[in-house]
Structure formats: structure tokens, C-alpha cells
């Protein structure tokens, strides 16, 4: 299924190396590679002289020091967070302690929906529950600095508090984990919601920015067209789920085996939660039925 998206997995930036990816924008990659982080978390420095740092990364002293070395002689006025997964925001206190910068984000980590009775949030440990921004932004707010400004674009779905940031006067969208060039983004309940995610994809695809700088991997060029591939891919996943349910009721492990051929075993848990996200949406739309609220352990069938 993923072959329908023109992914680009070429990426050779080493941890600690400062790369000027665009005028006014530098980037560094953290040394935290993995099946969900690719080569590592991307941190961005916006501006010159008086700058902002976007997504300072996980609890990693080496990466924090690399960021501070990259802005030596400059003033960090803002630390901006796209979302509060633990590979993006826990380094905030280190940067703030060294710089006194103002922190910016949508808000604290939270789930996209309330937990069902008896439900345990398997993603709880993945969230940075300590982050509290000094300045909570909403859709359309502008964060202004010295020679730069960023418009906050609410993009819930991957997490409930996900924000992208558009560099005003430019052609760049810092898209966090909403869109990535090397793989599809994980949408996993209860932290994420497929209905929110699809709406957010359509929202950014309609925007004018053609270059996306994601939370993992390299820059995405001709980004609106790439997002349309993302949307088509999700529609294809939904169609595959419905096709399998057309053969009879199935649980999520059965659906994962039918849909994700040749899946890396390390990603099986994420795949199960992604299927659950689709099923939550399909149940809410009355297309699929299950007994009780949708869950990983549920049995699903076509409605009617």
C-alpha cells in the first residue's frame, strides 16, 4: 500500500551538523534514529541574530548542546513546539535554562478523546506531560521575531495539540509529524484521531506553501501534491479494511495481517493502532459496526 506514495528515504545529515536548508532556516538532526523517528528528530533554527528554535527534541543533552553551539553569539527568543511527543519537546527545559526563551505551543499534551471505561492508554508514556507553553497559540496566531514571523496552523490528528508553522513571506511550512517524506505519519487513538487527521491534511493541501520541513527526514518539495498522495493512501487503507470486512467479521490483528504485507515487526503495534483509528472513524460514520466502543480487542463487521 505504501508504494502509492512517492517517498524519499535519502537523507545523509549527521547529528550535530548544522545545515542551512533555506534562507533564515538552519536544521540539525538528533541522534535518536528508530523505526518511528527515521534518522532522528529534526530541530530547526529560524532567523539570524535573534532566533527561534522549533522542536528541540528528546531528553538529550548532546543534542541540546549542539543546538546551543549552533546559535552561539545569537539570542534565542522563542522555543516553539509542534507537538508533545517525547521525541520533540522534552529538551525544552535545557534550552530555556540556557537562553531564557519564551516557549510556544498549542498547549499541554492531551488525548483526542476521553478514554472508554476500562481502557488503558498504551501511548501514555510517549507523551511529554510536563510541557506547558508560556504562550499558547491558536490557529492563525502569528509569532513574530526579529526579521521573521511564523503563522500557527492547527493540524490535529497525529496528536490533538499538533501545530504546523508557516514562515510568513516565504514558501515553507514546518509541518512537524503531520506529513513526512519518508513514511506515513502514525495516527493512533486515543492520542490521535483519523477524522481530525484527514481534515488537517486537506487543510494544508489547500495552502500555498510548496516546501515542508518535517519533524523527521528531509524537506518535502511540491508538498501539496505530495499531501494528495497521503490522502489517497489513507483512502486506500480504508478501502482495504472494508474489502476485508466484506469477507466477514474480523479483529484488528487479522486486518493488519491482511493489509500490511511484509510489515517490519517493530511497527506492528503502530499498524494496529492505525487500523483502530480508521475503524473509529468508520464506526462513527456508520459504515462499520462493533459491539461497544471501538477497541484494539474488538470484532468488526460491515454495518447493516
C-alpha atoms as a PDB file:
ATOM      1  CA  UNK A   1       0.000   0.000   0.000  1.00  0.00           C
ATOM      2  CA  UNK A   2       2.777   2.475   0.878  1.00  0.00           C
ATOM      3  CA  UNK A   3       4.161   2.181  -2.646  1.00  0.00           C
ATOM      4  CA  UNK A   4       1.477   4.612  -3.831  1.00  0.00           C
ATOM      5  CA  UNK A   5       3.249   7.490  -2.041  1.00  0.00           C
ATOM      6  CA  UNK A   6       6.471   8.813  -3.663  1.00  0.00           C
ATOM      7  CA  UNK A   7       8.615   8.523  -0.539  1.00  0.00           C
ATOM      8  CA  UNK A   8      12.206   9.741  -0.484  1.00  0.00           C
ATOM      9  CA  UNK A   9      14.360   7.932   2.076  1.00  0.00           C
ATOM     10  CA  UNK A  10      17.653   9.541   1.074  1.00  0.00           C
ATOM     11  CA  UNK A  11      18.967  11.552   4.000  1.00  0.00           C
ATOM     12  CA  UNK A  12      22.625  11.951   4.960  1.00  0.00           C
ATOM     13  CA  UNK A  13      22.727  14.704   7.609  1.00  0.00           C
ATOM     14  CA  UNK A  14      24.748  13.600  10.648  1.00  0.00           C
ATOM     15  CA  UNK A  15      23.873  14.509  14.261  1.00  0.00           C
ATOM     16  CA  UNK A  16      25.439  17.763  15.394  1.00  0.00           C
ATOM     17  CA  UNK A  17      25.964  19.116  11.862  1.00  0.00           C
ATOM     18  CA  UNK A  18      24.300  22.471  11.161  1.00  0.00           C
ATOM     19  CA  UNK A  19      22.746  22.619   7.695  1.00  0.00           C
ATOM     20  CA  UNK A  20      21.290  25.771   6.139  1.00  0.00           C
ATOM     21  CA  UNK A  21      18.260  24.278   4.412  1.00  0.00           C
ATOM     22  CA  UNK A  22      16.764  27.635   3.297  1.00  0.00           C
ATOM     23  CA  UNK A  23      17.375  31.347   3.810  1.00  0.00           C
ATOM     24  CA  UNK A  24      16.735  32.092   7.510  1.00  0.00           C
ATOM     25  CA  UNK A  25      16.413  28.358   8.292  1.00  0.00           C
ATOM     26  CA  UNK A  26      19.051  26.007   9.708  1.00  0.00           C
ATOM     27  CA  UNK A  27      18.475  22.422  10.814  1.00  0.00           C
ATOM     28  CA  UNK A  28      20.126  19.787  12.990  1.00  0.00           C
ATOM     29  CA  UNK A  29      19.175  16.136  13.447  1.00  0.00           C
ATOM     30  CA  UNK A  30      19.220  14.465  16.851  1.00  0.00           C
ATOM     31  CA  UNK A  31      20.992  11.127  17.202  1.00  0.00           C
ATOM     32  CA  UNK A  32      17.804   9.209  18.044  1.00  0.00           C
ATOM     33  CA  UNK A  33      17.181   7.029  14.973  1.00  0.00           C
ATOM     34  CA  UNK A  34      14.473   4.377  15.086  1.00  0.00           C
ATOM     35  CA  UNK A  35      11.536   2.808  13.264  1.00  0.00           C
ATOM     36  CA  UNK A  36       9.284   5.767  14.122  1.00  0.00           C
ATOM     37  CA  UNK A  37      11.927   8.538  14.079  1.00  0.00           C
ATOM     38  CA  UNK A  38      13.817   7.584  10.869  1.00  0.00           C
ATOM     39  CA  UNK A  39      17.318   9.133  11.153  1.00  0.00           C
ATOM     40  CA  UNK A  40      16.280  11.174  14.198  1.00  0.00           C
ATOM     41  CA  UNK A  41      14.250  14.199  15.250  1.00  0.00           C
ATOM     42  CA  UNK A  42      14.755  17.362  13.222  1.00  0.00           C
ATOM     43  CA  UNK A  43      15.257  20.662  15.041  1.00  0.00           C
ATOM     44  CA  UNK A  44      15.083  23.951  13.160  1.00  0.00           C
ATOM     45  CA  UNK A  45      16.597  27.359  13.853  1.00  0.00           C
ATOM     46  CA  UNK A  46      14.671  30.268  12.320  1.00  0.00           C
ATOM     47  CA  UNK A  47      16.211  33.710  11.829  1.00  0.00           C
ATOM     48  CA  UNK A  48      19.591  35.301  12.370  1.00  0.00           C
ATOM     49  CA  UNK A  49      20.850  37.114  15.436  1.00  0.00           C
ATOM     50  CA  UNK A  50      17.595  36.793  17.378  1.00  0.00           C
ATOM     51  CA  UNK A  51      16.219  33.367  16.556  1.00  0.00           C
ATOM     52  CA  UNK A  52      13.600  30.728  17.314  1.00  0.00           C
ATOM     53  CA  UNK A  53      14.235  27.013  17.783  1.00  0.00           C
ATOM     54  CA  UNK A  54      11.465  24.672  16.602  1.00  0.00           C
ATOM     55  CA  UNK A  55      11.247  21.222  18.257  1.00  0.00           C
ATOM     56  CA  UNK A  56      14.433  20.989  20.354  1.00  0.00           C
ATOM     57  CA  UNK A  57      13.982  17.221  20.521  1.00  0.00           C
ATOM     58  CA  UNK A  58      14.008  14.470  23.132  1.00  0.00           C
ATOM     59  CA  UNK A  59      15.678  14.475  26.539  1.00  0.00           C
ATOM     60  CA  UNK A  60      19.141  14.539  25.004  1.00  0.00           C
ATOM     61  CA  UNK A  61      21.920  16.688  26.443  1.00  0.00           C
ATOM     62  CA  UNK A  62      24.197  16.164  23.432  1.00  0.00           C
ATOM     63  CA  UNK A  63      21.573  17.457  21.025  1.00  0.00           C
ATOM     64  CA  UNK A  64      20.717  20.389  23.299  1.00  0.00           C
ATOM     65  CA  UNK A  65      24.385  21.361  23.379  1.00  0.00           C
ATOM     66  CA  UNK A  66      24.617  21.067  19.576  1.00  0.00           C
ATOM     67  CA  UNK A  67      21.673  23.452  19.240  1.00  0.00           C
ATOM     68  CA  UNK A  68      23.220  25.917  21.681  1.00  0.00           C
ATOM     69  CA  UNK A  69      26.564  25.716  19.884  1.00  0.00           C
ATOM     70  CA  UNK A  70      24.769  26.411  16.581  1.00  0.00           C
ATOM     71  CA  UNK A  71      23.376  29.693  17.934  1.00  0.00           C
ATOM     72  CA  UNK A  72      26.457  30.785  19.839  1.00  0.00           C
ATOM     73  CA  UNK A  73      26.644  34.576  19.712  1.00  0.00           C
ATOM     74  CA  UNK A  74      22.935  34.813  18.922  1.00  0.00           C
ATOM     75  CA  UNK A  75      19.882  35.229  21.167  1.00  0.00           C
ATOM     76  CA  UNK A  76      17.189  32.562  21.289  1.00  0.00           C
ATOM     77  CA  UNK A  77      13.945  34.443  21.842  1.00  0.00           C
ATOM     78  CA  UNK A  78      11.449  31.599  21.272  1.00  0.00           C
ATOM     79  CA  UNK A  79      11.340  27.827  21.627  1.00  0.00           C
ATOM     80  CA  UNK A  80       8.429  26.531  19.560  1.00  0.00           C
ATOM     81  CA  UNK A  81       6.910  23.054  19.773  1.00  0.00           C
ATOM     82  CA  UNK A  82       4.841  21.393  17.040  1.00  0.00           C
ATOM     83  CA  UNK A  83       3.502  18.714  19.423  1.00  0.00           C
ATOM     84  CA  UNK A  84       4.287  16.985  22.681  1.00  0.00           C
ATOM     85  CA  UNK A  85       5.590  13.552  21.784  1.00  0.00           C
ATOM     86  CA  UNK A  86       8.698  12.697  23.746  1.00  0.00           C
ATOM     87  CA  UNK A  87      10.954  12.841  20.710  1.00  0.00           C
ATOM     88  CA  UNK A  88      10.103  16.522  20.123  1.00  0.00           C
ATOM     89  CA  UNK A  89       9.659  18.564  23.303  1.00  0.00           C
ATOM     90  CA  UNK A  90      11.478  17.214  26.417  1.00  0.00           C
ATOM     91  CA  UNK A  91      14.666  19.162  25.563  1.00  0.00           C
ATOM     92  CA  UNK A  92      12.748  22.438  26.006  1.00  0.00           C
ATOM     93  CA  UNK A  93      13.826  22.956  29.662  1.00  0.00           C
ATOM     94  CA  UNK A  94      17.526  22.679  28.752  1.00  0.00           C
ATOM     95  CA  UNK A  95      17.243  25.307  26.015  1.00  0.00           C
ATOM     96  CA  UNK A  96      15.146  27.622  28.189  1.00  0.00           C
ATOM     97  CA  UNK A  97      17.550  27.292  31.122  1.00  0.00           C
ATOM     98  CA  UNK A  98      20.434  28.338  28.871  1.00  0.00           C
ATOM     99  CA  UNK A  99      18.643  31.109  26.967  1.00  0.00           C
ATOM    100  CA  UNK A 100      15.587  32.362  28.902  1.00  0.00           C
ATOM    101  CA  UNK A 101      13.500  31.968  25.737  1.00  0.00           C
ATOM    102  CA  UNK A 102       9.694  32.089  25.704  1.00  0.00           C
ATOM    103  CA  UNK A 103       8.070  28.722  24.984  1.00  0.00           C
ATOM    104  CA  UNK A 104       5.303  28.430  22.393  1.00  0.00           C
ATOM    105  CA  UNK A 105       2.880  25.618  21.567  1.00  0.00           C
ATOM    106  CA  UNK A 106      -0.790  24.760  21.277  1.00  0.00           C
ATOM    107  CA  UNK A 107      -0.988  23.538  24.849  1.00  0.00           C
ATOM    108  CA  UNK A 108      -0.250  20.591  27.138  1.00  0.00           C
ATOM    109  CA  UNK A 109      -0.351  17.017  25.914  1.00  0.00           C
ATOM    110  CA  UNK A 110      -3.838  15.546  25.822  1.00  0.00           C
ATOM    111  CA  UNK A 111      -5.782  12.779  24.156  1.00  0.00           C
ATOM    112  CA  UNK A 112      -8.055  13.414  21.178  1.00  0.00           C
ATOM    113  CA  UNK A 113     -10.930  11.777  23.029  1.00  0.00           C
ATOM    114  CA  UNK A 114     -11.824  10.582  26.515  1.00  0.00           C
ATOM    115  CA  UNK A 115     -10.803   7.059  27.487  1.00  0.00           C
ATOM    116  CA  UNK A 116     -13.527   4.435  27.342  1.00  0.00           C
ATOM    117  CA  UNK A 117     -14.445   2.649  30.565  1.00  0.00           C
ATOM    118  CA  UNK A 118     -11.684   0.183  31.325  1.00  0.00           C
ATOM    119  CA  UNK A 119      -9.459   1.464  28.510  1.00  0.00           C
ATOM    120  CA  UNK A 120      -5.745   1.915  29.122  1.00  0.00           C
ATOM    121  CA  UNK A 121      -3.855   4.469  27.053  1.00  0.00           C
ATOM    122  CA  UNK A 122      -0.928   2.461  25.668  1.00  0.00           C
ATOM    123  CA  UNK A 123       0.552   5.695  24.303  1.00  0.00           C
ATOM    124  CA  UNK A 124       0.697   7.476  27.657  1.00  0.00           C
ATOM    125  CA  UNK A 125       4.459   7.067  28.000  1.00  0.00           C
ATOM    126  CA  UNK A 126       5.005   8.576  24.532  1.00  0.00           C
ATOM    127  CA  UNK A 127       3.574  11.932  25.604  1.00  0.00           C
ATOM    128  CA  UNK A 128       5.535  14.744  27.225  1.00  0.00           C
ATOM    129  CA  UNK A 129       3.125  15.604  30.039  1.00  0.00           C
ATOM    130  CA  UNK A 130       5.460  18.190  31.571  1.00  0.00           C
ATOM    131  CA  UNK A 131       5.377  20.712  28.713  1.00  0.00           C
ATOM    132  CA  UNK A 132       3.354  23.853  29.443  1.00  0.00           C
ATOM    133  CA  UNK A 133       3.914  26.674  26.947  1.00  0.00           C
ATOM    134  CA  UNK A 134       4.401  30.224  28.143  1.00  0.00           C
ATOM    135  CA  UNK A 135       2.358  31.298  25.142  1.00  0.00           C
ATOM    136  CA  UNK A 136      -0.455  29.015  23.954  1.00  0.00           C
ATOM    137  CA  UNK A 137      -1.197  29.617  20.272  1.00  0.00           C
ATOM    138  CA  UNK A 138      -4.347  29.005  18.299  1.00  0.00           C
ATOM    139  CA  UNK A 139      -4.966  28.557  14.589  1.00  0.00           C
ATOM    140  CA  UNK A 140      -3.950  31.719  12.716  1.00  0.00           C
ATOM    141  CA  UNK A 141      -1.895  33.266  15.523  1.00  0.00           C
ATOM    142  CA  UNK A 142       1.399  34.823  14.446  1.00  0.00           C
ATOM    143  CA  UNK A 143       4.637  34.512  16.423  1.00  0.00           C
ATOM    144  CA  UNK A 144       6.845  37.437  15.425  1.00  0.00           C
ATOM    145  CA  UNK A 145      10.583  37.688  15.917  1.00  0.00           C
ATOM    146  CA  UNK A 146      13.494  39.728  14.601  1.00  0.00           C
ATOM    147  CA  UNK A 147      13.213  39.533  10.798  1.00  0.00           C
ATOM    148  CA  UNK A 148      10.873  36.527  10.824  1.00  0.00           C
ATOM    149  CA  UNK A 149       7.299  35.602  11.642  1.00  0.00           C
ATOM    150  CA  UNK A 150       5.512  32.262  11.874  1.00  0.00           C
ATOM    151  CA  UNK A 151       1.783  31.629  11.441  1.00  0.00           C
ATOM    152  CA  UNK A 152       0.397  28.822  13.613  1.00  0.00           C
ATOM    153  CA  UNK A 153      -1.643  26.276  11.640  1.00  0.00           C
ATOM    154  CA  UNK A 154      -3.737  23.909  13.769  1.00  0.00           C
ATOM    155  CA  UNK A 155      -3.232  20.393  12.400  1.00  0.00           C
ATOM    156  CA  UNK A 156      -4.708  17.921  14.916  1.00  0.00           C
ATOM    157  CA  UNK A 157      -4.712  14.234  14.066  1.00  0.00           C
ATOM    158  CA  UNK A 158      -1.246  12.849  14.840  1.00  0.00           C
ATOM    159  CA  UNK A 159      -1.802  14.380  18.272  1.00  0.00           C
ATOM    160  CA  UNK A 160      -4.663  16.549  19.486  1.00  0.00           C
ATOM    161  CA  UNK A 161      -2.309  19.503  20.064  1.00  0.00           C
ATOM    162  CA  UNK A 162      -0.343  19.318  16.809  1.00  0.00           C
ATOM    163  CA  UNK A 163       0.578  22.667  15.244  1.00  0.00           C
ATOM    164  CA  UNK A 164       2.363  23.400  11.986  1.00  0.00           C
ATOM    165  CA  UNK A 165       4.024  26.775  11.434  1.00  0.00           C
ATOM    166  CA  UNK A 166       4.184  28.684   8.155  1.00  0.00           C
ATOM    167  CA  UNK A 167       7.111  31.056   7.604  1.00  0.00           C
ATOM    168  CA  UNK A 168       5.360  34.238   6.526  1.00  0.00           C
ATOM    169  CA  UNK A 169       6.652  35.853   3.366  1.00  0.00           C
ATOM    170  CA  UNK A 170       8.211  32.559   2.360  1.00  0.00           C
ATOM    171  CA  UNK A 171       7.240  29.209   0.906  1.00  0.00           C
ATOM    172  CA  UNK A 172       7.966  26.987   3.915  1.00  0.00           C
ATOM    173  CA  UNK A 173       5.734  25.066   6.313  1.00  0.00           C
ATOM    174  CA  UNK A 174       7.279  23.478   9.396  1.00  0.00           C
ATOM    175  CA  UNK A 175       4.916  20.518   9.454  1.00  0.00           C
ATOM    176  CA  UNK A 176       6.137  18.522  12.469  1.00  0.00           C
ATOM    177  CA  UNK A 177       4.929  14.925  12.221  1.00  0.00           C
ATOM    178  CA  UNK A 178       1.771  15.787  10.286  1.00  0.00           C
ATOM    179  CA  UNK A 179       3.445  14.937   6.953  1.00  0.00           C
ATOM    180  CA  UNK A 180       6.780  13.198   6.404  1.00  0.00           C
ATOM    181  CA  UNK A 181       8.626  12.476   3.204  1.00  0.00           C
ATOM    182  CA  UNK A 182       9.985   9.051   4.171  1.00  0.00           C
ATOM    183  CA  UNK A 183       6.841   7.358   5.574  1.00  0.00           C
ATOM    184  CA  UNK A 184       3.234   7.938   6.521  1.00  0.00           C
ATOM    185  CA  UNK A 185       2.554   9.571   9.864  1.00  0.00           C
ATOM    186  CA  UNK A 186       1.199   7.424  12.695  1.00  0.00           C
ATOM    187  CA  UNK A 187      -2.363   8.217  13.762  1.00  0.00           C
ATOM    188  CA  UNK A 188      -3.047   6.269  16.936  1.00  0.00           C
ATOM    189  CA  UNK A 189      -6.029   6.576  19.314  1.00  0.00           C
ATOM    190  CA  UNK A 190      -6.659   7.903  21.829  1.00  0.00           C
ATOM    191  CA  UNK A 191      -3.900  10.494  21.306  1.00  0.00           C
ATOM    192  CA  UNK A 192      -4.730  10.865  17.615  1.00  0.00           C
ATOM    193  CA  UNK A 193      -7.935  10.783  15.575  1.00  0.00           C
ATOM    194  CA  UNK A 194      -8.309   9.842  11.917  1.00  0.00           C
ATOM    195  CA  UNK A 195     -11.206  12.224  11.248  1.00  0.00           C
ATOM    196  CA  UNK A 196      -9.120  15.142  12.582  1.00  0.00           C
ATOM    197  CA  UNK A 197      -6.085  13.975  10.661  1.00  0.00           C
ATOM    198  CA  UNK A 198      -7.836  13.767   7.303  1.00  0.00           C
ATOM    199  CA  UNK A 199      -9.364  17.209   7.791  1.00  0.00           C
ATOM    200  CA  UNK A 200      -5.926  18.603   8.622  1.00  0.00           C
ATOM    201  CA  UNK A 201      -4.396  17.000   5.511  1.00  0.00           C
ATOM    202  CA  UNK A 202      -6.986  18.683   3.296  1.00  0.00           C
ATOM    203  CA  UNK A 203      -6.349  21.944   5.153  1.00  0.00           C
ATOM    204  CA  UNK A 204      -2.603  22.050   4.469  1.00  0.00           C
ATOM    205  CA  UNK A 205      -3.004  20.769   0.895  1.00  0.00           C
ATOM    206  CA  UNK A 206      -5.092  23.864   0.162  1.00  0.00           C
ATOM    207  CA  UNK A 207      -2.367  26.190   1.463  1.00  0.00           C
ATOM    208  CA  UNK A 208       0.208  27.842  -0.835  1.00  0.00           C
ATOM    209  CA  UNK A 209       3.436  26.552   0.748  1.00  0.00           C
ATOM    210  CA  UNK A 210       5.287  24.178  -1.577  1.00  0.00           C
ATOM    211  CA  UNK A 211       8.145  23.171   0.755  1.00  0.00           C
ATOM    212  CA  UNK A 212       7.526  21.293   4.000  1.00  0.00           C
ATOM    213  CA  UNK A 213      10.210  20.834   6.645  1.00  0.00           C
ATOM    214  CA  UNK A 214       9.094  17.815   8.708  1.00  0.00           C
ATOM    215  CA  UNK A 215       9.922  16.522  12.172  1.00  0.00           C
ATOM    216  CA  UNK A 216      11.838  13.584  10.681  1.00  0.00           C
ATOM    217  CA  UNK A 217      13.664  13.257   7.375  1.00  0.00           C
ATOM    218  CA  UNK A 218      14.378  15.631   4.549  1.00  0.00           C
ATOM    219  CA  UNK A 219      12.466  18.503   3.005  1.00  0.00           C
ATOM    220  CA  UNK A 220       9.325  17.708   1.010  1.00  0.00           C
ATOM    221  CA  UNK A 221       9.156  19.523  -2.333  1.00  0.00           C
ATOM    222  CA  UNK A 222       5.935  20.100  -4.296  1.00  0.00           C
ATOM    223  CA  UNK A 223       4.276  19.457  -0.959  1.00  0.00           C
ATOM    224  CA  UNK A 224       0.566  19.957  -1.806  1.00  0.00           C
ATOM    225  CA  UNK A 225       0.823  17.242  -4.488  1.00  0.00           C
ATOM    226  CA  UNK A 226       2.632  15.008  -2.002  1.00  0.00           C
ATOM    227  CA  UNK A 227      -0.152  15.540   0.549  1.00  0.00           C
ATOM    228  CA  UNK A 228      -2.707  14.492  -2.041  1.00  0.00           C
ATOM    229  CA  UNK A 229      -0.796  11.186  -2.296  1.00  0.00           C
ATOM    230  CA  UNK A 230      -1.036  10.952   1.505  1.00  0.00           C
ATOM    231  CA  UNK A 231      -4.805  11.473   1.317  1.00  0.00           C
ATOM    232  CA  UNK A 232      -5.191   8.877  -1.436  1.00  0.00           C
ATOM    233  CA  UNK A 233      -3.103   6.438   0.602  1.00  0.00           C
ATOM    234  CA  UNK A 234      -5.420   6.809   3.605  1.00  0.00           C
ATOM    235  CA  UNK A 235      -8.449   6.322   1.376  1.00  0.00           C
ATOM    236  CA  UNK A 236      -6.757   3.162   0.092  1.00  0.00           C
ATOM    237  CA  UNK A 237      -6.215   1.887   3.639  1.00  0.00           C
ATOM    238  CA  UNK A 238      -9.891   2.462   4.364  1.00  0.00           C
ATOM    239  CA  UNK A 239     -10.895   0.616   1.194  1.00  0.00           C
ATOM    240  CA  UNK A 240      -8.646  -2.323   2.154  1.00  0.00           C
ATOM    241  CA  UNK A 241     -10.292  -2.534   5.573  1.00  0.00           C
ATOM    242  CA  UNK A 242     -13.752  -2.507   4.026  1.00  0.00           C
ATOM    243  CA  UNK A 243     -12.726  -5.088   1.418  1.00  0.00           C
ATOM    244  CA  UNK A 244     -11.541  -7.489   4.132  1.00  0.00           C
ATOM    245  CA  UNK A 245     -14.662  -6.920   6.243  1.00  0.00           C
ATOM    246  CA  UNK A 246     -16.706  -7.661   3.146  1.00  0.00           C
ATOM    247  CA  UNK A 247     -15.460 -11.237   3.507  1.00  0.00           C
ATOM    248  CA  UNK A 248     -16.679 -11.464   7.096  1.00  0.00           C
ATOM    249  CA  UNK A 249     -16.125 -10.069  10.572  1.00  0.00           C
ATOM    250  CA  UNK A 250     -12.512  -9.634  11.650  1.00  0.00           C
ATOM    251  CA  UNK A 251     -10.447  -8.407  14.557  1.00  0.00           C
ATOM    252  CA  UNK A 252      -7.600  -5.912  14.236  1.00  0.00           C
ATOM    253  CA  UNK A 253      -4.723  -8.462  14.144  1.00  0.00           C
ATOM    254  CA  UNK A 254      -6.486 -10.171  11.224  1.00  0.00           C
ATOM    255  CA  UNK A 255      -6.902  -6.845   9.441  1.00  0.00           C
ATOM    256  CA  UNK A 256      -3.241  -5.936   9.999  1.00  0.00           C
ATOM    257  CA  UNK A 257      -2.079  -9.242   8.508  1.00  0.00           C
ATOM    258  CA  UNK A 258      -4.355  -8.765   5.501  1.00  0.00           C
ATOM    259  CA  UNK A 259      -3.376  -5.147   4.820  1.00  0.00           C
ATOM    260  CA  UNK A 260       0.266  -4.702   5.891  1.00  0.00           C
ATOM    261  CA  UNK A 261       2.124  -7.267   3.792  1.00  0.00           C
ATOM    262  CA  UNK A 262       5.800  -7.591   4.756  1.00  0.00           C
ATOM    263  CA  UNK A 263       5.460  -5.234   7.741  1.00  0.00           C
ATOM    264  CA  UNK A 264       8.512  -4.658   9.930  1.00  0.00           C
ATOM    265  CA  UNK A 265       7.547  -6.480  13.172  1.00  0.00           C
ATOM    266  CA  UNK A 266       8.669  -3.440  15.184  1.00  0.00           C
ATOM    267  CA  UNK A 267       5.828  -1.485  13.555  1.00  0.00           C
ATOM    268  CA  UNK A 268       3.038  -3.996  14.212  1.00  0.00           C
ATOM    269  CA  UNK A 269       1.768  -2.152  17.283  1.00  0.00           C
ATOM    270  CA  UNK A 270       1.629   1.125  15.387  1.00  0.00           C
ATOM    271  CA  UNK A 271      -0.141  -0.581  12.481  1.00  0.00           C
ATOM    272  CA  UNK A 272      -2.775  -1.981  14.844  1.00  0.00           C
ATOM    273  CA  UNK A 273      -3.425   1.459  16.303  1.00  0.00           C
ATOM    274  CA  UNK A 274      -3.583   2.987  12.809  1.00  0.00           C
ATOM    275  CA  UNK A 275      -6.227   0.421  11.816  1.00  0.00           C
ATOM    276  CA  UNK A 276      -8.090   1.241  15.033  1.00  0.00           C
ATOM    277  CA  UNK A 277      -8.014   4.935  14.056  1.00  0.00           C
ATOM    278  CA  UNK A 278      -9.613   4.087  10.707  1.00  0.00           C
ATOM    279  CA  UNK A 279     -12.183   1.853  12.398  1.00  0.00           C
ATOM    280  CA  UNK A 280     -13.123   4.549  14.923  1.00  0.00           C
ATOM    281  CA  UNK A 281     -13.831   6.870  12.014  1.00  0.00           C
ATOM    282  CA  UNK A 282     -15.756   4.207  10.057  1.00  0.00           C
ATOM    283  CA  UNK A 283     -17.865   3.312  13.104  1.00  0.00           C
ATOM    284  CA  UNK A 284     -18.624   6.997  13.746  1.00  0.00           C
ATOM    285  CA  UNK A 285     -19.764   7.322  10.121  1.00  0.00           C
ATOM    286  CA  UNK A 286     -21.992   4.243  10.416  1.00  0.00           C
ATOM    287  CA  UNK A 287     -20.061   2.240   7.821  1.00  0.00           C
ATOM    288  CA  UNK A 288     -18.656  -0.363  10.225  1.00  0.00           C
ATOM    289  CA  UNK A 289     -20.180  -1.853  13.390  1.00  0.00           C
ATOM    290  CA  UNK A 290     -18.716  -3.368  16.537  1.00  0.00           C
ATOM    291  CA  UNK A 291     -20.022  -4.259  19.980  1.00  0.00           C
ATOM    292  CA  UNK A 292     -19.301  -1.441  22.416  1.00  0.00           C
ATOM    293  CA  UNK A 293     -16.812   1.337  21.716  1.00  0.00           C
ATOM    294  CA  UNK A 294     -14.104   0.571  19.118  1.00  0.00           C
ATOM    295  CA  UNK A 295     -11.053  -1.040  20.708  1.00  0.00           C
ATOM    296  CA  UNK A 296      -7.944  -2.994  19.721  1.00  0.00           C
ATOM    297  CA  UNK A 297      -9.629  -6.129  21.071  1.00  0.00           C
ATOM    298  CA  UNK A 298     -12.922  -5.555  19.230  1.00  0.00           C
ATOM    299  CA  UNK A 299     -14.513  -7.590  16.445  1.00  0.00           C
ATOM    300  CA  UNK A 300     -15.623  -5.550  13.426  1.00  0.00           C
ATOM    301  CA  UNK A 301     -18.163  -6.111  10.681  1.00  0.00           C
ATOM    302  CA  UNK A 302     -19.763  -4.085   7.917  1.00  0.00           C
ATOM    303  CA  UNK A 303     -22.781  -2.169   9.226  1.00  0.00           C
ATOM    304  CA  UNK A 304     -26.144  -3.414   8.030  1.00  0.00           C
END
